[in-house]
Amino acid sequence: MTTYTFVQATEKDEEKILEFLFAQFAVSDPISKSIKLTKGDAIELFCDDARLGTNKYSTLIYDDRER
């Protein structure tokens, strides 16, 4: 059985959130592919989203098999 851990995101998680956004959206998103978005460009693009994702209303969910 798969179990998950839920934790409140903090500023310390900003880099993890940024990596997730890059892996999930910059690599496979059709627009990102068409403009050949680089990791540097993606970091600039997603930086605000990652920072905003560390407020008290944001939750990170970890698959315990991958932790």
C-alpha atoms as a PDB file:
ATOM      1  CA  MET A   1       0.000   0.000   0.000  1.00  0.00           C
ATOM      2  CA  THR A   2       1.303   3.423  -0.931  1.00  0.00           C
ATOM      3  CA  THR A   3       1.454   5.991   1.825  1.00  0.00           C
ATOM      4  CA  TYR A   4       1.907   9.706   1.498  1.00  0.00           C
ATOM      5  CA  THR A   5       3.240  12.377   3.819  1.00  0.00           C
ATOM      6  CA  PHE A   6       1.692  15.857   3.791  1.00  0.00           C
ATOM      7  CA  VAL A   7       3.787  18.785   5.021  1.00  0.00           C
ATOM      8  CA  GLN A   8       3.304  22.532   4.992  1.00  0.00           C
ATOM      9  CA  ALA A   9       5.629  24.184   2.478  1.00  0.00           C
ATOM     10  CA  THR A  10       8.167  26.669   3.795  1.00  0.00           C
ATOM     11  CA  GLU A  11      10.766  28.944   2.244  1.00  0.00           C
ATOM     12  CA  LYS A  12      13.267  26.084   2.623  1.00  0.00           C
ATOM     13  CA  ASP A  13      11.221  24.133   0.043  1.00  0.00           C
ATOM     14  CA  GLU A  14      11.464  26.765  -2.690  1.00  0.00           C
ATOM     15  CA  GLU A  15      14.209  24.884  -4.564  1.00  0.00           C
ATOM     16  CA  LYS A  16      12.231  21.606  -4.444  1.00  0.00           C
ATOM     17  CA  ILE A  17       9.151  23.383  -5.784  1.00  0.00           C
ATOM     18  CA  LEU A  18      11.200  24.976  -8.551  1.00  0.00           C
ATOM     19  CA  GLU A  19      12.676  21.600  -9.557  1.00  0.00           C
ATOM     20  CA  PHE A  20       9.189  20.056  -9.581  1.00  0.00           C
ATOM     21  CA  LEU A  21       7.816  22.825 -11.793  1.00  0.00           C
ATOM     22  CA  PHE A  22      10.733  22.435 -14.174  1.00  0.00           C
ATOM     23  CA  ALA A  23      10.437  18.638 -14.344  1.00  0.00           C
ATOM     24  CA  GLN A  24       6.670  18.613 -14.801  1.00  0.00           C
ATOM     25  CA  PHE A  25       6.069  21.616 -17.013  1.00  0.00           C
ATOM     26  CA  ALA A  26       9.209  22.911 -18.687  1.00  0.00           C
ATOM     27  CA  VAL A  27      10.207  19.535 -20.078  1.00  0.00           C
ATOM     28  CA  SER A  28       6.889  18.295 -21.442  1.00  0.00           C
ATOM     29  CA  ASP A  29       4.784  21.412 -21.978  1.00  0.00           C
ATOM     30  CA  PRO A  30       4.164  21.997 -25.719  1.00  0.00           C
ATOM     31  CA  ILE A  31       4.793  25.749 -25.490  1.00  0.00           C
ATOM     32  CA  SER A  32       8.017  25.203 -23.547  1.00  0.00           C
ATOM     33  CA  LYS A  33       9.149  22.703 -26.174  1.00  0.00           C
ATOM     34  CA  SER A  34       8.289  25.009 -29.057  1.00  0.00           C
ATOM     35  CA  ILE A  35      10.308  27.902 -27.639  1.00  0.00           C
ATOM     36  CA  LYS A  36      13.103  25.536 -26.510  1.00  0.00           C
ATOM     37  CA  LEU A  37      12.870  26.697 -22.919  1.00  0.00           C
ATOM     38  CA  THR A  38      16.185  26.207 -21.143  1.00  0.00           C
ATOM     39  CA  LYS A  39      16.516  25.365 -17.460  1.00  0.00           C
ATOM     40  CA  GLY A  40      17.775  28.896 -16.808  1.00  0.00           C
ATOM     41  CA  ASP A  41      14.773  30.399 -18.573  1.00  0.00           C
ATOM     42  CA  ALA A  42      12.427  28.062 -16.710  1.00  0.00           C
ATOM     43  CA  ILE A  43      13.918  29.005 -13.353  1.00  0.00           C
ATOM     44  CA  GLU A  44      13.340  32.660 -14.166  1.00  0.00           C
ATOM     45  CA  LEU A  45       9.805  31.890 -15.354  1.00  0.00           C
ATOM     46  CA  PHE A  46       8.840  29.712 -12.373  1.00  0.00           C
ATOM     47  CA  CYS A  47      10.720  31.607  -9.643  1.00  0.00           C
ATOM     48  CA  ASP A  48       7.712  33.651  -8.529  1.00  0.00           C
ATOM     49  CA  ASP A  49       5.473  30.569  -8.544  1.00  0.00           C
ATOM     50  CA  ALA A  50       7.971  28.674  -6.404  1.00  0.00           C
ATOM     51  CA  ARG A  51       8.261  31.553  -3.941  1.00  0.00           C
ATOM     52  CA  LEU A  52       4.477  31.949  -3.748  1.00  0.00           C
ATOM     53  CA  GLY A  53       4.189  28.202  -3.198  1.00  0.00           C
ATOM     54  CA  THR A  54       5.840  28.487   0.206  1.00  0.00           C
ATOM     55  CA  ASN A  55       3.024  30.222   2.041  1.00  0.00           C
ATOM     56  CA  LYS A  56       0.967  28.748   4.854  1.00  0.00           C
ATOM     57  CA  TYR A  57      -1.682  27.551   2.405  1.00  0.00           C
ATOM     58  CA  SER A  58       0.724  25.444   0.336  1.00  0.00           C
ATOM     59  CA  THR A  59       1.200  21.752   0.992  1.00  0.00           C
ATOM     60  CA  LEU A  60       3.867  19.383  -0.279  1.00  0.00           C
ATOM     61  CA  ILE A  61       2.894  15.750  -0.709  1.00  0.00           C
ATOM     62  CA  TYR A  62       5.578  13.080  -0.698  1.00  0.00           C
ATOM     63  CA  ASP A  63       5.215   9.495  -1.867  1.00  0.00           C
ATOM     64  CA  ASP A  64       6.867   7.660   1.022  1.00  0.00           C
ATOM     65  CA  ARG A  65       8.324   5.080  -1.373  1.00  0.00           C
ATOM     66  CA  GLU A  66      10.427   7.840  -2.944  1.00  0.00           C
ATOM     67  CA  ARG A  67      11.608   9.599   0.201  1.00  0.00           C
END
